[in-house]
Amino acid sequence: MTVSIVSEEFKERNGVEEGEASFAELFEQYSEGGGDDLNVGDKVAGQVIQVGETSIFVDTGTKLDGVVEKEELLDEEGNCTVKEGDTVELYVVGKDSGGIKLSRALSGIGGLAMMEEAKASALPVEGNVASTCKGGFNVTIMQRRAFCPVSQIDNRFVEDPEEYVGKTLEFLITKLEQGGRNIVVSRRDLLERETAQAVETFTAETKVGDEVEGVVKRLAPFGAFVEIMPGLDGLVHISQISHGRIGHPEEAVTVGQKVKAKVTRYEHDDKGRLKISLSMKELAQDPWDTVTSSFTEGDKVTGKVVRLADFGAFVEIAPGIDGLVHVSEMSYTQRVHKPSDFVKEGQTVSVKIKSIDTDSRRIGLSMKDAEGDPWLDVEDKYQSGQKVEGTVEKQEQFGIFIQLEPGITGLLPKSVIARSESASKYEKLHSGDTVEIVVGEVKAGERKISLTTEDAQDDGDWKQFAPKKKPSTGGTGGMGLLGAALQEAMDKKK
């Protein structure tokens, strides 16, 4: 008679009914060749088949199930982080005929033999970063002090070493000497190993043009690094974050933010590492598709100066929509020779839309039309013979340009100054001086005003600008009386 001794847990997991088979038969079937393909240090991705009170059983893909202590898969509040059907990634830390022992990493109190096995098998060990020291960090592993060089704590440049202190991380033992008194560990080697696995998986499943999701892990002046999967980052260049112009990625995204992006390129650097280029902009709607529904010619809007050129300024009137203000469209009130003398990058300005060309993606803008043309009512404000005060702009060989108000400048000709009794006074004027002059002729259509001096009003050249007077036929003096007397004398001779 054969005695069958099968545990209730074993029968429940394997569907064994009482008396169905002997323990020896089951054990032989279960363990024959089981787990031969797995060795200590191997990483296993398996499906959780049962969550017990103290242990979690995992399908290792062999005839032997893997077992991991439940404590290793609890969160900070003591809740289990996995359930039946979930896939977990663990390391083989031991095996025998009864099963395969799995763990996230070696931890706790361990002897020198266990550490030597971890080093030989490249098995991760848990360590707590206790403090910083010269050249790196003091790390506590299995209640022993180990050293981690600063270059080995991460696979990126370490800007602030203190951010690692107090964290429990996984390391590989790279040196174990003097009976455990000299231990050197590396987290970088482990991260690069995980990255290599992640790259292989990612490139096999994802092609250029595919959409991916990730989390913003780090910002730099030139772009945002997005973690696509553990150990694998992609770069969204600043020009690919948004259709709108931004000065720094932090204007559009924040660390920890979940984003969607499009894979635009794969390439390898000189060390053979994969570089993934991403674009968030290509997944966003192109603002030019709706520009005509948002803006029409003649609209007055505000925008930000985003770029200056010799011929004008580019103004962003909406994210991703820039228009050009030509230098000739900047001001009615000032003579603008260089755009940089009139506006600065980042400045908010008012503009009027003059033209929209969706095919060429061009918008013509005018700052001066948004401000208004001071010449529109100049004939009502300035009339021939009117005394005004102005500011000298500059002296030229043919005369003096005098500003009557911003945008309105008149010319006092040299020929007029020469006929003035105070010619020397005008010849000594400098830019910025204030002077009192007289309006001569106003030609609003040509945007010209001729000026004269008060003591040159009787000159023939000046009289042509004065309003013509009708001959007087009566009165008490002037040419009217003389004409009447001459006419009377001629009548008497007859």
Protein backbone atom coordinates (compact mmCIF):
# COMPACT_ATOMS: atom_id res chain seq x y z
CA MET A 1 0.00 0.00 0.00
CA THR A 2 1.32 3.42 -0.97
CA VAL A 3 0.66 6.31 1.43
CA SER A 4 -0.20 9.62 -0.25
CA ILE A 5 0.74 12.71 1.67
CA VAL A 6 -0.20 15.85 -0.27
CA SER A 7 -0.58 19.26 1.39
CA GLU A 8 -3.90 21.04 1.14
CA GLU A 9 -2.15 24.06 -0.42
CA PHE A 10 -0.54 21.81 -3.05
CA LYS A 11 -3.84 20.07 -3.82
CA GLU A 12 -5.68 23.38 -4.09
CA ARG A 13 -3.11 24.92 -6.47
CA ASN A 14 -2.81 21.82 -8.65
CA GLY A 15 -6.40 20.59 -8.64
CA VAL A 16 -5.60 17.25 -6.97
CA GLU A 17 -8.51 15.28 -5.54
CA GLU A 18 -8.05 12.98 -2.57
CA GLY A 19 -6.81 9.52 -3.66
CA GLU A 20 -6.30 10.67 -7.22
CA ALA A 21 -2.54 10.10 -7.28
CA SER A 22 0.27 9.21 -4.94
CA PHE A 23 2.58 11.92 -3.64
CA ALA A 24 5.54 10.15 -5.23
CA GLU A 25 3.88 10.19 -8.63
CA LEU A 26 2.92 13.81 -8.37
CA PHE A 27 6.33 14.85 -7.10
CA GLU A 28 8.06 12.95 -9.88
CA GLN A 29 5.82 14.53 -12.52
CA TYR A 30 6.19 17.99 -11.02
CA SER A 31 9.93 18.01 -10.41
CA GLU A 32 11.18 16.08 -13.40
CA GLY A 33 13.32 18.58 -15.23
CA GLY A 34 11.53 21.41 -13.40
CA GLY A 35 13.35 24.72 -13.25
CA ASP A 36 16.46 23.48 -15.04
CA ASP A 37 16.34 26.52 -17.31
CA LEU A 38 16.54 28.96 -14.40
CA ASN A 39 19.58 29.83 -12.35
CA VAL A 40 20.17 32.02 -9.33
CA GLY A 41 20.34 35.61 -10.53
CA ASP A 42 17.99 35.16 -13.49
CA LYS A 43 15.17 37.66 -13.88
CA VAL A 44 11.73 36.11 -14.24
CA ALA A 45 8.57 37.75 -15.56
CA GLY A 46 5.69 35.55 -14.45
CA GLN A 47 1.98 35.64 -13.76
CA VAL A 48 0.70 35.58 -10.18
CA ILE A 49 -1.27 32.36 -9.74
CA GLN A 50 -2.14 32.67 -6.06
CA VAL A 51 -1.84 35.21 -3.25
CA GLY A 52 -1.57 33.45 0.10
CA GLU A 53 -1.39 34.76 3.65
CA THR A 54 2.42 34.92 3.74
CA SER A 55 3.54 33.85 0.26
CA ILE A 56 2.74 34.67 -3.34
CA PHE A 57 3.03 31.96 -6.00
CA VAL A 58 4.22 32.86 -9.47
CA ASP A 59 4.23 30.89 -12.72
CA THR A 60 7.89 30.74 -13.77
CA GLY A 61 7.24 29.08 -17.10
CA THR A 62 8.75 25.83 -15.81
CA LYS A 63 7.27 22.85 -13.96
CA LEU A 64 8.23 24.49 -10.68
CA ASP A 65 6.32 27.49 -9.39
CA GLY A 66 8.12 30.44 -7.90
CA VAL A 67 7.47 31.64 -4.37
CA VAL A 68 8.07 35.17 -3.09
CA GLU A 69 7.48 36.45 0.43
CA LYS A 70 4.32 38.55 0.49
CA GLU A 71 6.12 41.22 2.54
CA GLU A 72 8.21 42.14 -0.49
CA LEU A 73 5.14 43.14 -2.50
CA LEU A 74 3.39 45.33 0.07
CA ASP A 75 3.11 49.10 -0.20
CA GLU A 76 3.92 51.58 2.54
CA GLU A 77 0.47 51.09 4.07
CA GLY A 78 0.81 47.32 4.18
CA ASN A 79 -1.47 46.56 1.22
CA CYS A 80 -0.53 43.92 -1.34
CA THR A 81 0.37 45.54 -4.65
CA VAL A 82 -0.47 42.54 -6.85
CA LYS A 83 -3.40 40.21 -7.45
CA GLU A 84 -3.98 36.94 -9.28
CA GLY A 85 -3.36 37.38 -12.99
CA ASP A 86 -0.87 40.24 -12.60
CA THR A 87 2.59 39.93 -14.15
CA VAL A 88 5.55 40.56 -11.87
CA GLU A 89 9.29 40.74 -12.50
CA LEU A 90 11.46 39.07 -9.84
CA TYR A 91 14.90 37.50 -9.44
CA VAL A 92 15.74 33.88 -8.71
CA VAL A 93 17.52 33.81 -5.36
CA GLY A 94 17.37 30.07 -4.72
CA LYS A 95 15.82 26.80 -5.86
CA ASP A 96 15.38 23.21 -4.82
CA SER A 97 13.11 20.31 -5.66
CA GLY A 98 10.26 21.97 -3.81
CA GLY A 99 10.19 25.20 -5.79
CA ILE A 100 11.99 28.33 -6.90
CA LYS A 101 12.55 31.14 -4.44
CA LEU A 102 11.99 34.58 -5.91
CA SER A 103 12.74 38.05 -4.60
CA ARG A 104 12.82 41.63 -5.72
CA ALA A 105 16.41 41.69 -4.47
CA LEU A 106 18.54 40.22 -1.71
CA SER A 107 17.98 42.10 1.53
CA GLY A 108 18.08 41.78 5.29
CA ILE A 109 20.81 40.14 7.30
CA GLY A 110 22.98 38.04 5.06
CA GLY A 111 26.23 36.27 5.47
CA LEU A 112 29.36 36.68 3.42
CA ALA A 113 28.48 33.56 1.40
CA MET A 114 25.17 35.11 0.34
CA MET A 115 26.91 38.29 -0.77
CA GLU A 116 29.51 36.31 -2.72
CA GLU A 117 26.71 34.41 -4.44
CA ALA A 118 24.96 37.71 -5.26
CA LYS A 119 28.18 39.07 -6.76
CA ALA A 120 28.88 35.94 -8.76
CA SER A 121 25.31 35.76 -10.07
CA ALA A 122 24.95 39.52 -10.65
CA LEU A 123 21.95 39.41 -8.33
CA PRO A 124 20.60 42.76 -7.07
CA VAL A 125 20.84 43.49 -3.36
CA GLU A 126 18.89 46.10 -1.44
CA GLY A 127 20.84 48.87 0.15
CA ASN A 128 20.02 52.00 2.10
CA VAL A 129 21.95 55.13 1.16
CA ALA A 130 23.08 56.24 4.61
CA SER A 131 25.09 59.37 3.77
CA THR A 132 27.34 61.08 1.27
CA CYS A 133 31.10 60.83 1.53
CA LYS A 134 34.13 61.86 -0.48
CA GLY A 135 33.59 60.65 -4.02
CA GLY A 136 30.30 58.92 -3.40
CA PHE A 137 27.93 57.41 -0.85
CA ASN A 138 27.93 55.16 2.23
CA VAL A 139 25.42 52.37 1.58
CA THR A 140 24.23 49.82 4.15
CA ILE A 141 23.79 46.33 2.65
CA MET A 142 22.89 43.35 4.86
CA GLN A 143 24.08 45.40 7.86
CA ARG A 144 27.47 45.92 6.22
CA ARG A 145 28.94 49.18 4.98
CA ALA A 146 29.49 49.45 1.24
CA PHE A 147 30.74 52.27 -0.96
CA CYS A 148 29.00 53.50 -4.10
CA PRO A 149 30.94 55.97 -6.28
CA VAL A 150 28.91 59.05 -7.22
CA SER A 151 29.20 58.09 -10.88
CA GLN A 152 27.59 54.73 -10.12
CA ILE A 153 24.52 55.86 -8.18
CA ASP A 154 22.58 56.65 -11.36
CA ASN A 155 22.84 56.44 -15.13
CA ARG A 156 22.56 60.22 -15.46
CA PHE A 157 24.56 63.15 -14.14
CA VAL A 158 24.05 63.67 -10.41
CA GLU A 159 23.27 67.32 -9.76
CA ASP A 160 22.33 66.99 -6.07
CA PRO A 161 23.86 63.98 -4.21
CA GLU A 162 21.71 64.67 -1.15
CA GLU A 163 18.55 63.67 -3.01
CA TYR A 164 19.65 60.00 -2.79
CA VAL A 165 20.34 59.97 0.97
CA GLY A 166 17.77 57.98 2.93
CA LYS A 167 16.50 56.04 -0.07
CA THR A 168 16.45 52.25 -0.27
CA LEU A 169 17.63 51.21 -3.73
CA GLU A 170 18.86 48.13 -5.54
CA PHE A 171 22.56 47.65 -6.30
CA LEU A 172 24.94 45.15 -7.86
CA ILE A 173 28.03 44.14 -5.89
CA THR A 174 31.06 44.92 -8.05
CA LYS A 175 33.82 44.34 -5.48
CA LEU A 176 33.88 42.13 -2.38
CA GLU A 177 37.29 41.93 -0.64
CA GLN A 178 38.95 41.53 2.77
CA GLY A 179 36.25 39.28 4.13
CA GLY A 180 33.50 41.78 3.45
CA ARG A 181 35.35 44.81 4.81
CA ASN A 182 35.78 46.33 1.36
CA ILE A 183 32.51 46.28 -0.61
CA VAL A 184 31.85 48.41 -3.67
CA VAL A 185 28.41 48.52 -5.29
CA SER A 186 26.93 50.03 -8.43
CA ARG A 187 23.40 51.02 -9.20
CA ARG A 188 24.35 52.31 -12.64
CA ASP A 189 25.29 48.84 -13.87
CA LEU A 190 21.90 47.56 -12.78
CA LEU A 191 20.05 50.46 -14.40
CA GLU A 192 21.94 50.01 -17.66
CA ARG A 193 21.16 46.31 -17.62
CA GLU A 194 17.48 47.08 -17.11
CA THR A 195 17.65 49.77 -19.80
CA ALA A 196 19.10 47.31 -22.29
CA GLN A 197 16.23 44.94 -21.61
CA ALA A 198 13.70 47.76 -21.87
CA VAL A 199 15.22 48.98 -25.17
CA GLU A 200 15.03 45.51 -26.68
CA THR A 201 11.38 45.17 -25.66
CA PHE A 202 10.44 48.68 -26.72
CA THR A 203 12.06 48.67 -30.16
CA ALA A 204 10.56 45.27 -30.93
CA GLU A 205 7.06 46.52 -30.19
CA THR A 206 7.20 50.23 -31.12
CA LYS A 207 8.00 51.80 -34.48
CA VAL A 208 8.68 55.37 -35.64
CA GLY A 209 5.33 57.13 -35.90
CA ASP A 210 3.73 55.24 -33.02
CA GLU A 211 2.13 57.09 -30.11
CA VAL A 212 3.46 56.45 -26.61
CA GLU A 213 2.64 57.58 -23.09
CA GLY A 214 5.14 58.53 -20.45
CA VAL A 215 5.97 60.64 -17.42
CA VAL A 216 8.13 63.77 -17.50
CA LYS A 217 11.18 62.88 -15.41
CA ARG A 218 13.54 65.80 -15.97
CA LEU A 219 13.61 69.23 -17.61
CA ALA A 220 16.56 70.85 -19.34
CA PRO A 221 16.85 74.15 -21.25
CA PHE A 222 16.74 72.21 -24.53
CA GLY A 223 13.81 69.89 -23.79
CA ALA A 224 11.98 67.44 -21.55
CA PHE A 225 13.02 63.84 -20.77
CA VAL A 226 10.04 61.51 -20.70
CA GLU A 227 10.22 58.04 -19.12
CA ILE A 228 8.42 55.74 -21.55
CA MET A 229 9.00 52.61 -19.48
CA PRO A 230 11.21 51.85 -16.45
CA GLY A 231 14.80 52.50 -17.46
CA LEU A 232 13.96 54.00 -20.85
CA ASP A 233 13.66 57.74 -21.56
CA GLY A 234 12.93 59.71 -24.68
CA LEU A 235 13.66 63.38 -25.37
CA VAL A 236 11.04 65.90 -26.43
CA HIS A 237 13.06 68.79 -27.85
CA ILE A 238 11.81 72.22 -26.84
CA SER A 239 10.74 72.86 -30.43
CA GLN A 240 8.55 69.74 -30.32
CA ILE A 241 6.73 70.42 -27.06
CA SER A 242 4.17 72.90 -28.35
CA HIS A 243 3.06 74.70 -31.50
CA GLY A 244 3.56 77.93 -29.54
CA ARG A 245 6.98 79.42 -28.88
CA ILE A 246 8.32 78.76 -25.38
CA GLY A 247 11.54 79.94 -23.78
CA HIS A 248 11.91 76.95 -21.43
CA PRO A 249 10.13 73.56 -21.20
CA GLU A 250 8.84 74.48 -17.73
CA GLU A 251 6.47 76.92 -19.43
CA ALA A 252 4.57 73.98 -20.92
CA VAL A 253 5.20 70.84 -18.80
CA THR A 254 6.11 69.89 -15.23
CA VAL A 255 8.09 67.03 -13.72
CA GLY A 256 5.76 64.14 -12.91
CA GLN A 257 3.22 65.10 -15.57
CA LYS A 258 1.81 62.31 -17.75
CA VAL A 259 2.10 63.14 -21.45
CA LYS A 260 1.48 61.58 -24.84
CA ALA A 261 4.04 61.84 -27.60
CA LYS A 262 4.89 60.49 -31.04
CA VAL A 263 8.10 58.58 -31.73
CA THR A 264 9.89 60.53 -34.46
CA ARG A 265 13.36 58.98 -34.60
CA TYR A 266 15.66 56.24 -33.31
CA GLU A 267 19.43 56.72 -33.35
CA HIS A 268 22.47 55.47 -31.45
CA ASP A 269 25.17 57.66 -29.95
CA ASP A 270 28.90 57.00 -30.26
CA LYS A 271 28.69 54.60 -27.30
CA GLY A 272 25.94 52.57 -28.92
CA ARG A 273 23.20 53.80 -26.62
CA LEU A 274 19.75 54.25 -28.12
CA LYS A 275 18.41 57.80 -28.30
CA ILE A 276 14.67 58.21 -28.79
CA SER A 277 13.28 61.46 -30.17
CA LEU A 278 9.68 62.30 -29.32
CA SER A 279 7.20 64.99 -30.36
CA MET A 280 4.23 66.20 -28.36
CA LYS A 281 3.51 68.89 -30.95
CA GLU A 282 2.70 66.41 -33.71
CA LEU A 283 -0.17 64.98 -31.64
CA ALA A 284 -1.67 68.42 -30.98
CA GLN A 285 -3.98 70.16 -33.45
CA ASP A 286 -2.23 72.49 -35.87
CA PRO A 287 -3.44 76.03 -34.99
CA TRP A 288 -3.21 77.03 -38.67
CA ASP A 289 -6.12 74.67 -39.39
CA THR A 290 -8.46 77.03 -37.54
CA VAL A 291 -6.75 80.39 -38.03
CA THR A 292 -9.43 81.81 -40.37
CA SER A 293 -12.17 80.99 -37.89
CA SER A 294 -10.24 82.75 -35.11
CA PHE A 295 -8.99 85.83 -36.96
CA THR A 296 -10.09 88.03 -39.85
CA GLU A 297 -8.43 90.92 -41.67
CA GLY A 298 -8.98 94.18 -39.82
CA ASP A 299 -9.01 92.60 -36.34
CA LYS A 300 -7.09 94.41 -33.61
CA VAL A 301 -5.36 91.95 -31.26
CA THR A 302 -2.50 91.83 -28.78
CA GLY A 303 0.54 89.60 -29.17
CA LYS A 304 4.07 88.96 -27.95
CA VAL A 305 7.20 89.87 -29.90
CA VAL A 306 8.97 86.53 -30.34
CA ARG A 307 11.71 87.38 -32.82
CA LEU A 308 13.40 90.42 -34.36
CA ALA A 309 14.88 90.71 -37.84
CA ASP A 310 16.41 93.60 -39.79
CA PHE A 311 13.18 94.02 -41.74
CA GLY A 312 10.68 93.76 -38.90
CA ALA A 313 9.35 91.93 -35.87
CA PHE A 314 7.51 88.61 -35.60
CA VAL A 315 4.58 88.77 -33.20
CA GLU A 316 2.81 85.68 -31.81
CA ILE A 317 -0.92 86.44 -31.73
CA ALA A 318 -1.89 82.89 -30.64
CA PRO A 319 0.09 79.76 -29.70
CA GLY A 320 1.80 78.68 -32.92
CA ILE A 321 0.52 81.67 -34.94
CA ASP A 322 3.13 84.34 -35.76
CA GLY A 323 2.69 87.39 -37.93
CA LEU A 324 5.19 89.90 -39.33
CA VAL A 325 5.18 93.60 -38.52
CA HIS A 326 7.34 95.13 -41.23
CA VAL A 327 9.55 97.98 -40.07
CA SER A 328 7.44 100.36 -42.19
CA GLU A 329 4.34 99.28 -40.22
CA MET A 330 5.69 99.99 -36.77
CA SER A 331 4.86 103.61 -36.11
CA TYR A 332 3.30 106.76 -37.50
CA THR A 333 4.85 108.82 -34.74
CA GLN A 334 8.48 107.72 -34.99
CA ARG A 335 10.94 107.05 -37.77
CA VAL A 336 11.99 103.43 -37.16
CA HIS A 337 15.25 102.36 -38.79
CA LYS A 338 15.93 99.25 -36.70
CA PRO A 339 13.10 97.18 -35.15
CA SER A 340 15.25 96.59 -32.06
CA ASP A 341 15.22 100.36 -31.39
CA PHE A 342 11.43 100.29 -31.18
CA VAL A 343 10.42 96.93 -29.64
CA LYS A 344 12.07 94.15 -27.63
CA GLU A 345 11.62 90.38 -27.62
CA GLY A 346 8.99 89.36 -25.07
CA GLN A 347 7.21 92.72 -25.27
CA THR A 348 3.40 92.70 -25.56
CA VAL A 349 2.12 94.92 -28.37
CA SER A 350 -1.17 95.82 -30.07
CA VAL A 351 -1.43 95.01 -33.77
CA LYS A 352 -3.95 95.12 -36.57
CA ILE A 353 -4.25 92.18 -38.97
CA LYS A 354 -3.68 93.40 -42.52
CA SER A 355 -3.57 90.08 -44.40
CA ILE A 356 -3.91 86.31 -43.86
CA ASP A 357 -2.40 83.79 -46.28
CA THR A 358 -3.14 80.27 -45.01
CA ASP A 359 -1.40 78.59 -47.97
CA SER A 360 1.91 80.31 -47.21
CA ARG A 361 1.21 80.43 -43.46
CA ARG A 362 1.83 84.16 -43.38
CA ILE A 363 0.04 86.96 -41.57
CA GLY A 364 0.76 90.63 -42.17
CA LEU A 365 0.43 92.86 -39.11
CA SER A 366 0.60 96.59 -38.43
CA MET A 367 1.36 98.25 -35.14
CA LYS A 368 0.86 101.76 -36.46
CA ASP A 369 -2.65 101.03 -37.76
CA ALA A 370 -3.60 99.66 -34.37
CA GLU A 371 -2.31 102.86 -32.79
CA GLY A 372 -4.07 105.20 -35.24
CA ASP A 373 -2.90 107.69 -37.90
CA PRO A 374 -2.27 111.19 -36.49
CA TRP A 375 -2.49 112.70 -40.01
CA LEU A 376 -6.20 111.90 -40.32
CA ASP A 377 -7.30 115.15 -38.63
CA VAL A 378 -4.19 117.24 -39.23
CA GLU A 379 -6.02 119.82 -41.45
CA ASP A 380 -8.43 120.53 -38.61
CA LYS A 381 -5.64 120.98 -36.10
CA TYR A 382 -3.15 123.02 -38.17
CA GLN A 383 -4.03 125.90 -40.53
CA SER A 384 -1.96 128.41 -42.49
CA GLY A 385 -0.82 131.36 -40.37
CA GLN A 386 -1.29 129.52 -37.08
CA LYS A 387 1.45 130.04 -34.49
CA VAL A 388 2.65 126.73 -33.00
CA GLU A 389 5.42 125.45 -30.80
CA GLY A 390 7.57 122.52 -31.90
CA THR A 391 10.66 120.51 -31.09
CA VAL A 392 13.67 120.44 -33.39
CA GLU A 393 14.32 116.95 -34.75
CA LYS A 394 17.35 117.67 -36.89
CA GLN A 395 19.07 120.27 -39.12
CA GLU A 396 19.58 119.50 -42.81
CA GLN A 397 21.18 121.53 -45.65
CA PHE A 398 17.76 122.45 -47.01
CA GLY A 399 16.06 123.22 -43.72
CA ILE A 400 15.06 122.24 -40.20
CA PHE A 401 12.65 119.39 -39.37
CA ILE A 402 10.44 120.41 -36.45
CA GLN A 403 8.07 118.00 -34.68
CA LEU A 404 4.70 119.58 -33.91
CA GLU A 405 3.45 116.45 -32.10
CA PRO A 406 4.37 112.74 -32.15
CA GLY A 407 4.02 111.67 -35.76
CA ILE A 408 3.55 115.17 -37.20
CA THR A 409 6.73 116.85 -38.46
CA GLY A 410 7.02 120.03 -40.55
CA LEU A 411 9.88 121.56 -42.54
CA LEU A 412 11.21 125.08 -42.04
CA PRO A 413 13.10 125.74 -45.32
CA LYS A 414 16.51 127.48 -45.37
CA SER A 415 15.14 130.01 -47.88
CA VAL A 416 12.56 131.14 -45.32
CA ILE A 417 15.16 131.34 -42.54
CA ALA A 418 17.35 133.52 -44.79
CA ARG A 419 14.54 136.11 -45.08
CA SER A 420 14.03 136.25 -41.35
CA GLU A 421 15.52 139.03 -39.27
CA SER A 422 16.28 136.34 -36.64
CA ALA A 423 18.01 133.97 -39.05
CA SER A 424 20.94 133.41 -36.67
CA LYS A 425 18.54 132.27 -33.94
CA TYR A 426 17.19 129.47 -36.14
CA GLU A 427 20.61 128.49 -37.45
CA LYS A 428 21.81 127.89 -33.89
CA LEU A 429 19.01 125.45 -33.04
CA HIS A 430 19.90 121.88 -32.06
CA SER A 431 17.94 118.64 -31.81
CA GLY A 432 15.60 118.77 -28.84
CA ASP A 433 15.33 122.56 -28.73
CA THR A 434 11.88 124.11 -28.49
CA VAL A 435 10.99 126.82 -31.00
CA GLU A 436 7.95 128.90 -31.91
CA ILE A 437 7.12 128.94 -35.64
CA VAL A 438 4.19 129.57 -37.99
CA VAL A 439 2.27 127.03 -40.08
CA GLY A 440 2.68 127.73 -43.80
CA GLU A 441 0.99 125.17 -46.06
CA VAL A 442 -0.65 121.89 -44.98
CA LYS A 443 -0.77 118.97 -47.45
CA ALA A 444 -2.32 116.12 -45.46
CA GLY A 445 -2.53 113.83 -48.47
CA GLU A 446 1.22 114.06 -48.99
CA ARG A 447 1.90 114.10 -45.22
CA LYS A 448 3.72 117.42 -45.53
CA ILE A 449 3.58 120.67 -43.59
CA SER A 450 5.63 123.73 -44.65
CA LEU A 451 6.65 126.08 -41.85
CA THR A 452 7.69 129.74 -41.84
CA THR A 453 8.73 132.42 -39.37
CA GLU A 454 6.54 135.19 -38.05
CA ASP A 455 8.71 137.98 -39.50
CA ALA A 456 8.78 136.37 -42.97
CA GLN A 457 5.00 136.47 -43.47
CA ASP A 458 5.10 139.50 -45.81
CA ASP A 459 7.37 137.79 -48.34
CA GLY A 460 5.86 136.76 -51.62
CA ASP A 461 6.70 133.14 -51.02
CA TRP A 462 4.79 133.23 -47.76
CA LYS A 463 1.79 135.08 -49.23
CA GLN A 464 1.12 132.20 -51.58
CA PHE A 465 0.31 130.07 -48.52
CA ALA A 466 -1.99 132.70 -46.96
CA PRO A 467 -5.73 132.72 -47.70
CA LYS A 468 -6.65 135.13 -50.52
CA LYS A 469 -8.60 138.20 -49.46
CA LYS A 470 -11.34 139.85 -51.49
CA PRO A 471 -10.62 143.48 -52.59
CA SER A 472 -12.18 146.00 -50.26
CA THR A 473 -14.64 148.43 -51.86
CA GLY A 474 -15.02 150.66 -48.92
CA GLY A 475 -13.76 151.40 -45.46
CA THR A 476 -11.59 154.02 -43.92
CA GLY A 477 -8.15 153.13 -45.18
CA GLY A 478 -5.86 150.82 -47.08
CA MET A 479 -5.94 150.24 -50.87
CA GLY A 480 -9.70 150.63 -50.89
CA LEU A 481 -9.56 154.40 -50.23
CA LEU A 482 -6.66 154.97 -52.64
CA GLY A 483 -8.45 153.20 -55.42
CA ALA A 484 -11.58 155.25 -54.87
CA ALA A 485 -9.61 158.55 -54.99
CA LEU A 486 -7.87 157.63 -58.23
CA GLN A 487 -11.15 156.69 -59.81
CA GLU A 488 -12.68 160.02 -58.77
CA ALA A 489 -9.72 162.03 -60.29
CA MET A 490 -10.02 160.20 -63.59
CA ASP A 491 -13.72 160.91 -63.72
CA LYS A 492 -13.15 164.68 -63.27
CA LYS A 493 -10.65 164.88 -66.18
CA LYS A 494 -13.27 163.46 -68.43
